[in-house]
Amino acid sequence: MTTLVETSEEDPTMAVARTIADLAWADGGHEIAGPAVAQFCNEAHAYLVDRRYPDLVNLLLTSADMVLAKTSEKDMECIFTVISNLVSKAQSPDDALAMADQIANKLTVQPIEKPVIRLKILFHLYNVLENPYGRFLIFKRVLKLAVAGKATELVIPTFKRMDSFLFEWNISESEKRDIFLSASNILKDQKGYSKDSYTFLVKYLATFAGADASTLSEAKEEAVRAIIEFVKSPDMFQKHRSGDQSIYLCDLLEMPAVKQLGRDSKYGPVYRLLEIFLTGRLSDYLEFQTADAATLKEYGLVHEECVTKMRLMSLVGLAATSSGEISYAAIRDTLKVNDDEVEYWIVRAIAAKLLEAKMDQLRQVVVIGRCTERVFGPAQWQELRSGLSGWKENINNVSRIIATAKYSQGGIPQTLQAAVH
């Protein structure tokens, strides 16, 4: 006859084992349930004493489906938290990872009920697990559960820490790819997160650098999506910021995942459209629209909206190639607008922070202070390098003058003090 092991109420693992056993044999009748519960608890106690934690977790999860279905959210959280805590007692990283994976499997099984509590438990499991790669695997389960349980709003705050997560996990480019795409897709359906979604989409595409042709082909649909979202966006012109990083949209043209579309018979027109928006003028777009209106229609692009964006892009292009001034006539002809509309488009470009400029109405010119670069290729890098070199030389000159002044006069001339401060 099986003897029930008496345990203290302070032993949470054994309290959970008894609760699970009671659930499993609740309908078995006293004659069957009593011995079965006792045997289950004895076995759990033996594993606990011998520190056979993987076997203990496996045993406690045998009736996990009943725990998920028949307990309150509070009890469910308590039970799985106790089971998850056993991961921290594992004798090896491999054991800990296997135990965590087993627990996560039970929490992400269909159907997904009580998703909020399941996510809370998974986050606890993530924190208990010390293995960085194991944390990455659990985070993937978190995203999967959030989507299946329609509770994605609970995981969105974690995306702000993605850079630190990636540093900690130290995962491969292909694994980053999965995370970036999942994050982008989650944010895409959330109001107010379109630019964040786009940031992760561009990061996803960037992971294909150096990939072979067969791997690149996996990115075609998402590359098309990136182009269409950029063209459709009324306020995305060249770059936008996410945290401390700048995503240069012009880099899309040179990304292998995107550039492959230029050689694709199906998606070639989409790539050509991107080229026009980043390097062309309104006249180029109008020619494209006349020749291939079907592409615009297929991807839900509205001609009038495209014209509006191309006018602003064309104005930036004019400013970038000017010697500091643009005539109203040049703007009128390039944007194909009436004379009385020229200043309206200048103001729009300034409001969109594409230009820093002043209008000289008497001379009918725009004086350009600064303009956003539409592309950031070798020429722009060279210009930046030259600017930094000049700035560095100026600083060195000031330092030499100050050092000379200190040596010869025992102090810094007042005029230099004013200049420095």
Protein backbone atom coordinates (compact mmCIF):
# COMPACT_ATOMS: atom_id res chain seq x y z
CA MET A 1 0.00 0.00 0.00
CA THR A 2 1.31 3.46 -0.96
CA THR A 3 2.03 5.75 1.94
CA LEU A 4 1.37 9.48 1.49
CA VAL A 5 4.40 11.58 2.32
CA GLU A 6 3.54 14.31 4.79
CA THR A 7 4.90 17.67 3.63
CA SER A 8 4.97 21.11 5.16
CA GLU A 9 2.57 23.74 3.94
CA GLU A 10 5.67 25.90 3.43
CA ASP A 11 6.94 23.61 0.66
CA PRO A 12 5.49 25.25 -2.48
CA THR A 13 6.65 22.52 -4.87
CA MET A 14 4.90 19.77 -2.99
CA ALA A 15 1.81 21.93 -2.50
CA VAL A 16 1.68 22.35 -6.28
CA ALA A 17 2.22 18.61 -6.81
CA ARG A 18 -0.72 17.82 -4.54
CA THR A 19 -2.95 20.39 -6.27
CA ILE A 20 -2.11 18.98 -9.70
CA ALA A 21 -2.71 15.43 -8.52
CA ASP A 22 -6.07 16.39 -7.03
CA LEU A 23 -7.07 17.95 -10.35
CA ALA A 24 -5.96 14.93 -12.34
CA TRP A 25 -7.98 12.43 -10.30
CA ALA A 26 -10.85 14.65 -9.21
CA ASP A 27 -13.36 12.42 -10.97
CA GLY A 28 -11.79 9.11 -10.03
CA GLY A 29 -13.57 8.44 -6.76
CA HIS A 30 -11.95 8.14 -3.35
CA GLU A 31 -10.74 4.55 -3.77
CA ILE A 32 -8.89 5.40 -6.98
CA ALA A 33 -8.01 9.02 -6.33
CA GLY A 34 -6.49 8.54 -2.88
CA PRO A 35 -3.75 6.05 -3.85
CA ALA A 36 -3.11 7.83 -7.19
CA VAL A 37 -2.62 11.20 -5.52
CA ALA A 38 -0.37 9.65 -2.89
CA GLN A 39 1.77 7.90 -5.53
CA PHE A 40 2.06 11.12 -7.54
CA CYS A 41 3.15 13.10 -4.48
CA ASN A 42 5.64 10.41 -3.42
CA GLU A 43 7.20 10.42 -6.86
CA ALA A 44 7.41 14.23 -6.87
CA HIS A 45 9.00 14.20 -3.42
CA ALA A 46 11.59 11.62 -4.48
CA TYR A 47 12.58 13.74 -7.51
CA LEU A 48 12.78 16.82 -5.30
CA VAL A 49 14.99 15.15 -2.70
CA ASP A 50 17.29 13.66 -5.36
CA ARG A 51 17.41 17.01 -7.22
CA ARG A 52 16.14 15.38 -10.39
CA TYR A 53 14.54 18.64 -11.47
CA PRO A 54 13.97 17.79 -15.16
CA ASP A 55 12.03 14.68 -14.11
CA LEU A 56 10.12 16.71 -11.54
CA VAL A 57 9.10 19.34 -14.09
CA ASN A 58 8.09 16.61 -16.54
CA LEU A 59 5.92 15.01 -13.86
CA LEU A 60 4.26 18.27 -12.80
CA LEU A 61 3.45 19.12 -16.41
CA THR A 62 1.66 15.84 -17.12
CA SER A 63 -1.64 17.47 -16.18
CA ALA A 64 -0.78 20.99 -17.37
CA ASP A 65 -3.77 21.03 -19.71
CA MET A 66 -6.11 20.61 -16.74
CA VAL A 67 -4.32 23.36 -14.86
CA LEU A 68 -4.76 25.71 -17.81
CA ALA A 69 -8.39 24.82 -18.30
CA LYS A 70 -9.79 24.25 -14.82
CA THR A 71 -8.01 26.61 -12.44
CA SER A 72 -8.53 30.29 -11.79
CA GLU A 73 -6.07 32.76 -13.25
CA LYS A 74 -4.58 33.33 -9.79
CA ASP A 75 -4.07 29.60 -9.13
CA MET A 76 -2.78 29.02 -12.64
CA GLU A 77 -0.18 31.75 -12.22
CA CYS A 78 0.86 30.41 -8.83
CA ILE A 79 1.26 26.83 -10.06
CA PHE A 80 3.28 27.70 -13.15
CA THR A 81 5.42 30.20 -11.26
CA VAL A 82 6.44 27.49 -8.81
CA ILE A 83 7.20 25.10 -11.68
CA SER A 84 9.17 27.80 -13.50
CA ASN A 85 11.26 28.49 -10.41
CA LEU A 86 12.61 24.93 -10.62
CA VAL A 87 14.49 26.00 -13.76
CA SER A 88 16.84 28.08 -11.59
CA LYS A 89 17.78 24.90 -9.67
CA ALA A 90 18.84 22.92 -12.76
CA GLN A 91 22.22 21.19 -12.49
CA SER A 92 23.34 22.29 -15.96
CA PRO A 93 22.48 24.95 -18.58
CA ASP A 94 21.22 22.23 -20.91
CA ASP A 95 18.83 20.95 -18.24
CA ALA A 96 17.59 24.47 -17.54
CA LEU A 97 17.00 25.10 -21.23
CA ALA A 98 15.14 21.81 -21.69
CA MET A 99 12.93 22.49 -18.66
CA ALA A 100 12.14 26.02 -19.80
CA ASP A 101 11.32 24.79 -23.28
CA GLN A 102 8.96 22.17 -21.89
CA ILE A 103 7.14 24.73 -19.75
CA ALA A 104 6.89 27.18 -22.65
CA ASN A 105 5.47 24.44 -24.88
CA LYS A 106 2.63 23.87 -22.45
CA LEU A 107 1.84 27.58 -22.19
CA THR A 108 1.70 28.15 -25.95
CA VAL A 109 -0.46 25.15 -26.82
CA GLN A 110 -3.77 25.85 -28.56
CA PRO A 111 -6.37 26.98 -27.80
CA ILE A 112 -4.95 30.12 -26.19
CA GLU A 113 -7.11 31.01 -23.20
CA LYS A 114 -6.13 33.45 -20.45
CA PRO A 115 -3.36 34.92 -22.66
CA VAL A 116 -2.46 37.71 -20.23
CA ILE A 117 -1.60 35.30 -17.42
CA ARG A 118 0.26 33.00 -19.80
CA LEU A 119 2.37 35.92 -21.00
CA LYS A 120 3.06 36.96 -17.42
CA ILE A 121 4.28 33.45 -16.64
CA LEU A 122 6.49 33.38 -19.75
CA PHE A 123 8.07 36.69 -18.77
CA HIS A 124 8.77 35.24 -15.33
CA LEU A 125 10.29 32.17 -16.97
CA TYR A 126 12.44 34.49 -19.11
CA ASN A 127 13.79 36.19 -15.99
CA VAL A 128 14.43 32.90 -14.18
CA LEU A 129 16.41 31.48 -17.08
CA GLU A 130 20.03 32.66 -17.02
CA ASN A 131 21.10 31.25 -20.38
CA PRO A 132 21.11 34.18 -22.90
CA TYR A 133 20.24 32.00 -25.89
CA GLY A 134 17.52 30.32 -23.88
CA ARG A 135 16.06 33.74 -23.14
CA PHE A 136 15.96 34.40 -26.87
CA LEU A 137 13.99 31.18 -27.42
CA ILE A 138 11.54 32.11 -24.68
CA PHE A 139 11.12 35.60 -26.17
CA LYS A 140 10.17 34.01 -29.48
CA ARG A 141 7.49 32.06 -27.62
CA VAL A 142 6.32 35.29 -26.00
CA LEU A 143 5.77 36.87 -29.42
CA LYS A 144 4.01 33.76 -30.71
CA LEU A 145 1.69 33.66 -27.70
CA ALA A 146 0.94 37.39 -27.89
CA VAL A 147 -0.13 37.08 -31.52
CA ALA A 148 -2.16 33.91 -31.00
CA GLY A 149 -3.85 35.34 -27.91
CA LYS A 150 -4.47 38.74 -29.49
CA ALA A 151 -2.56 40.43 -26.66
CA THR A 152 0.24 42.06 -28.64
CA GLU A 153 -0.16 45.36 -26.79
CA LEU A 154 1.47 43.66 -23.79
CA VAL A 155 4.74 42.92 -25.63
CA ILE A 156 5.14 46.18 -27.56
CA PRO A 157 6.90 47.99 -24.66
CA THR A 158 9.68 45.38 -24.78
CA PHE A 159 10.59 46.42 -28.33
CA LYS A 160 12.16 49.60 -26.98
CA ARG A 161 14.84 47.40 -25.42
CA MET A 162 15.47 45.35 -28.54
CA ASP A 163 19.04 46.56 -29.05
CA SER A 164 20.07 45.53 -25.53
CA PHE A 165 18.26 42.20 -25.95
CA LEU A 166 20.14 41.44 -29.16
CA PHE A 167 23.44 42.31 -27.51
CA GLU A 168 22.66 39.96 -24.62
CA TRP A 169 21.37 37.09 -26.76
CA ASN A 170 24.28 37.23 -29.23
CA ILE A 171 22.24 35.49 -31.92
CA SER A 172 22.86 34.96 -35.63
CA GLU A 173 21.65 37.22 -38.44
CA SER A 174 19.00 34.69 -39.44
CA GLU A 175 17.69 34.60 -35.87
CA LYS A 176 17.63 38.41 -35.72
CA ARG A 177 15.68 38.25 -38.96
CA ASP A 178 12.86 36.30 -37.30
CA ILE A 179 12.66 38.74 -34.40
CA PHE A 180 12.70 41.85 -36.59
CA LEU A 181 9.97 40.55 -38.88
CA SER A 182 7.78 39.44 -35.97
CA ALA A 183 8.14 42.84 -34.31
CA SER A 184 7.38 44.65 -37.57
CA ASN A 185 4.25 42.59 -38.19
CA ILE A 186 3.01 43.10 -34.64
CA LEU A 187 3.50 46.87 -34.79
CA LYS A 188 2.01 47.13 -38.27
CA ASP A 189 -1.45 46.42 -36.92
CA GLN A 190 -1.18 48.85 -34.01
CA LYS A 191 -2.29 52.46 -34.37
CA GLY A 192 0.50 54.96 -34.00
CA TYR A 193 3.37 52.52 -34.58
CA SER A 194 3.71 52.63 -38.38
CA LYS A 195 7.19 54.16 -38.33
CA ASP A 196 8.41 51.76 -35.65
CA SER A 197 7.06 48.90 -37.73
CA TYR A 198 8.92 50.26 -40.73
CA THR A 199 12.15 50.54 -38.73
CA PHE A 200 12.02 46.85 -37.86
CA LEU A 201 11.12 46.00 -41.46
CA VAL A 202 14.23 47.82 -42.73
CA LYS A 203 16.33 46.08 -40.07
CA TYR A 204 14.89 42.77 -41.24
CA LEU A 205 15.89 43.51 -44.83
CA ALA A 206 19.38 44.55 -43.70
CA THR A 207 20.03 41.06 -42.28
CA PHE A 208 20.17 39.69 -45.83
CA ALA A 209 23.45 41.45 -46.60
CA GLY A 210 25.83 38.81 -47.94
CA ALA A 211 23.09 36.20 -48.34
CA ASP A 212 23.02 33.91 -51.36
CA ALA A 213 20.37 34.15 -54.08
CA SER A 214 18.12 31.46 -52.65
CA THR A 215 18.09 33.13 -49.23
CA LEU A 216 17.52 36.56 -50.75
CA SER A 217 14.42 35.30 -52.51
CA GLU A 218 12.79 34.85 -49.08
CA ALA A 219 12.81 38.63 -48.66
CA LYS A 220 11.09 39.63 -51.92
CA GLU A 221 7.60 40.12 -50.52
CA GLU A 222 8.83 42.12 -47.55
CA ALA A 223 11.10 44.21 -49.79
CA VAL A 224 8.07 45.09 -51.90
CA ARG A 225 6.16 45.95 -48.76
CA ALA A 226 8.97 48.28 -47.65
CA ILE A 227 8.90 50.13 -50.96
CA ILE A 228 5.12 50.48 -51.09
CA GLU A 229 4.89 51.67 -47.47
CA PHE A 230 7.54 54.29 -48.15
CA VAL A 231 5.80 55.53 -51.29
CA LYS A 232 2.43 55.63 -49.54
CA SER A 233 3.65 57.43 -46.43
CA PRO A 234 2.89 61.17 -46.61
CA ASP A 235 5.56 62.09 -44.06
CA MET A 236 8.40 59.67 -44.75
CA PHE A 237 10.88 61.25 -47.15
CA GLN A 238 14.42 60.18 -46.44
CA LYS A 239 14.98 59.05 -42.87
CA HIS A 240 13.26 58.79 -39.55
CA ARG A 241 14.60 58.19 -36.09
CA SER A 242 14.00 55.26 -33.79
CA GLY A 243 15.73 55.64 -30.44
CA ASP A 244 19.34 56.64 -31.10
CA GLN A 245 19.44 55.27 -34.63
CA SER A 246 18.65 56.78 -38.02
CA ILE A 247 17.23 54.63 -40.76
CA TYR A 248 18.26 56.00 -44.12
CA LEU A 249 15.55 55.08 -46.58
CA CYS A 250 17.84 55.68 -49.52
CA ASP A 251 19.88 52.69 -48.32
CA LEU A 252 16.98 50.57 -49.52
CA LEU A 253 18.18 51.03 -53.09
CA GLU A 254 21.47 49.32 -52.29
CA MET A 255 20.21 46.66 -49.91
CA PRO A 256 20.65 43.25 -51.61
CA ALA A 257 17.18 42.20 -50.43
CA VAL A 258 15.68 45.20 -52.23
CA LYS A 259 18.09 45.51 -55.13
CA GLN A 260 17.23 42.01 -56.32
CA LEU A 261 13.78 43.32 -57.26
CA GLY A 262 15.35 45.38 -60.03
CA ARG A 263 16.23 42.15 -61.81
CA ASP A 264 12.88 40.50 -61.14
CA SER A 265 10.35 40.41 -63.97
CA LYS A 266 7.43 40.63 -61.57
CA TYR A 267 8.73 43.23 -59.13
CA GLY A 268 11.00 45.25 -61.40
CA PRO A 269 8.44 48.09 -61.77
CA VAL A 270 8.19 48.41 -57.98
CA TYR A 271 11.94 48.86 -57.69
CA ARG A 272 11.85 51.42 -60.50
CA LEU A 273 9.21 53.32 -58.54
CA LEU A 274 11.53 53.45 -55.53
CA GLU A 275 14.34 54.76 -57.71
CA ILE A 276 12.09 57.54 -58.97
CA PHE A 277 10.97 58.60 -55.50
CA LEU A 278 14.51 58.66 -54.12
CA THR A 279 16.50 59.97 -57.09
CA GLY A 280 14.04 61.19 -59.75
CA ARG A 281 11.82 64.19 -60.40
CA LEU A 282 8.09 64.61 -60.84
CA SER A 283 8.45 64.28 -64.62
CA ASP A 284 9.97 60.80 -64.13
CA TYR A 285 7.03 59.74 -61.99
CA LEU A 286 4.49 61.07 -64.50
CA GLU A 287 6.17 59.08 -67.27
CA PHE A 288 6.02 55.95 -65.09
CA GLN A 289 2.37 56.54 -64.28
CA THR A 290 1.48 56.93 -67.94
CA ALA A 291 3.34 53.78 -68.93
CA ASP A 292 2.44 51.55 -65.96
CA ALA A 293 -0.65 52.75 -64.12
CA ALA A 294 -1.50 49.09 -63.47
CA THR A 295 1.36 48.80 -60.93
CA LEU A 296 0.04 51.76 -58.96
CA LYS A 297 -3.43 50.25 -58.92
CA GLU A 298 -2.19 46.78 -57.95
CA TYR A 299 -0.52 48.11 -54.82
CA GLY A 300 -3.21 50.58 -53.85
CA LEU A 301 -1.20 53.71 -54.65
CA VAL A 302 -3.23 56.86 -55.23
CA HIS A 303 -1.90 58.94 -58.11
CA GLU A 304 -2.73 62.32 -56.55
CA GLU A 305 -0.97 61.38 -53.31
CA CYS A 306 2.08 60.22 -55.25
CA VAL A 307 2.17 63.52 -57.14
CA THR A 308 2.07 65.45 -53.86
CA LYS A 309 4.97 63.51 -52.40
CA MET A 310 6.97 63.68 -55.63
CA ARG A 311 6.62 67.46 -55.71
CA LEU A 312 8.20 67.69 -52.27
CA MET A 313 10.89 65.17 -53.21
CA SER A 314 11.59 67.08 -56.43
CA LEU A 315 11.93 70.33 -54.53
CA VAL A 316 14.48 68.71 -52.23
CA GLY A 317 16.31 67.44 -55.29
CA LEU A 318 16.46 70.95 -56.69
CA ALA A 319 17.80 72.30 -53.41
CA ALA A 320 20.47 69.60 -53.17
CA THR A 321 21.87 70.45 -56.62
CA SER A 322 21.58 74.21 -56.31
CA SER A 323 24.37 76.66 -55.51
CA GLY A 324 22.38 78.05 -52.60
CA GLU A 325 19.50 79.63 -54.47
CA ILE A 326 16.59 78.34 -56.55
CA SER A 327 14.48 80.56 -58.74
CA TYR A 328 10.72 80.49 -58.44
CA ALA A 329 10.61 79.71 -62.16
CA ALA A 330 12.72 76.57 -61.71
CA ILE A 331 10.45 75.39 -58.91
CA ARG A 332 7.34 76.12 -60.98
CA ASP A 333 8.65 74.15 -63.96
CA THR A 334 9.98 71.21 -61.94
CA LEU A 335 6.89 70.84 -59.75
CA LYS A 336 4.54 71.66 -62.65
CA VAL A 337 2.51 74.17 -60.67
CA ASN A 338 1.22 77.68 -61.28
CA ASP A 339 3.23 80.76 -60.30
CA ASP A 340 0.94 81.46 -57.34
CA GLU A 341 1.51 77.94 -55.93
CA VAL A 342 5.29 78.08 -55.71
CA GLU A 343 5.49 79.59 -52.24
CA TYR A 344 2.88 77.13 -50.96
CA TRP A 345 5.18 74.20 -51.83
CA ILE A 346 8.20 75.93 -50.35
CA VAL A 347 6.33 76.38 -47.07
CA ARG A 348 5.23 72.74 -47.12
CA ALA A 349 8.80 71.57 -47.58
CA ILE A 350 9.97 73.79 -44.72
CA ALA A 351 7.14 72.55 -42.47
CA ALA A 352 8.12 68.95 -43.27
CA LYS A 353 11.70 69.85 -42.20
CA LEU A 354 12.98 68.97 -45.64
CA LEU A 355 14.39 72.46 -46.11
CA GLU A 356 15.73 75.36 -44.11
CA ALA A 357 15.21 78.27 -46.46
CA LYS A 358 14.12 81.88 -46.84
CA MET A 359 11.96 83.28 -49.62
CA ASP A 360 13.15 86.44 -51.35
CA GLN A 361 9.93 87.60 -52.98
CA LEU A 362 11.53 90.65 -54.60
CA ARG A 363 14.14 88.57 -56.42
CA GLN A 364 11.75 85.60 -56.81
CA VAL A 365 14.29 83.13 -55.40
CA VAL A 366 14.57 80.78 -52.45
CA VAL A 367 17.78 80.99 -50.44
CA ILE A 368 18.66 77.49 -49.18
CA GLY A 369 20.22 77.16 -45.74
CA ARG A 370 20.05 73.40 -45.50
CA CYS A 371 18.22 70.56 -47.22
CA THR A 372 17.69 66.91 -46.45
CA GLU A 373 19.73 64.61 -48.66
CA ARG A 374 17.46 62.31 -50.65
CA VAL A 375 20.25 59.78 -50.99
CA PHE A 376 23.27 59.06 -48.82
CA GLY A 377 25.73 57.35 -51.07
CA PRO A 378 29.51 57.69 -51.68
CA ALA A 379 29.24 61.37 -52.62
CA GLN A 380 27.42 62.23 -49.40
CA TRP A 381 29.88 60.24 -47.31
CA GLN A 382 32.76 62.08 -48.98
CA GLU A 383 31.12 65.43 -48.27
CA LEU A 384 30.60 64.45 -44.62
CA ARG A 385 34.21 63.25 -44.38
CA SER A 386 35.47 66.54 -45.82
CA GLY A 387 33.31 68.54 -43.43
CA LEU A 388 34.55 66.60 -40.42
CA SER A 389 38.16 66.94 -41.54
CA GLY A 390 37.73 70.71 -41.87
CA TRP A 391 36.10 70.91 -38.46
CA LYS A 392 38.91 68.85 -36.92
CA GLU A 393 41.55 71.10 -38.49
CA ASN A 394 39.80 74.22 -37.18
CA ILE A 395 39.74 72.79 -33.67
CA ASN A 396 43.43 71.89 -33.91
CA ASN A 397 44.24 75.42 -35.04
CA VAL A 398 42.36 76.92 -32.10
CA SER A 399 44.15 74.52 -29.73
CA ARG A 400 47.55 75.52 -31.12
CA ILE A 401 46.75 79.23 -30.78
CA ILE A 402 45.61 78.74 -27.18
CA ALA A 403 48.71 76.70 -26.34
CA THR A 404 50.97 79.37 -27.88
CA ALA A 405 49.17 82.13 -26.00
CA LYS A 406 49.54 80.31 -22.71
CA TYR A 407 53.24 79.77 -23.29
CA SER A 408 54.13 83.28 -24.46
CA GLN A 409 51.79 85.44 -22.37
CA GLY A 410 50.88 83.24 -19.47
CA GLY A 411 47.18 83.39 -20.32
CA ILE A 412 44.53 83.22 -23.01
CA PRO A 413 43.78 86.40 -25.00
CA GLN A 414 40.34 87.75 -24.19
CA THR A 415 39.29 87.64 -27.83
CA LEU A 416 40.07 83.90 -27.96
CA GLN A 417 38.29 83.30 -24.66
CA ALA A 418 35.16 84.84 -26.16
CA ALA A 419 35.53 82.77 -29.32
CA VAL A 420 36.02 79.51 -27.44
CA HIS A 421 33.20 80.06 -24.94
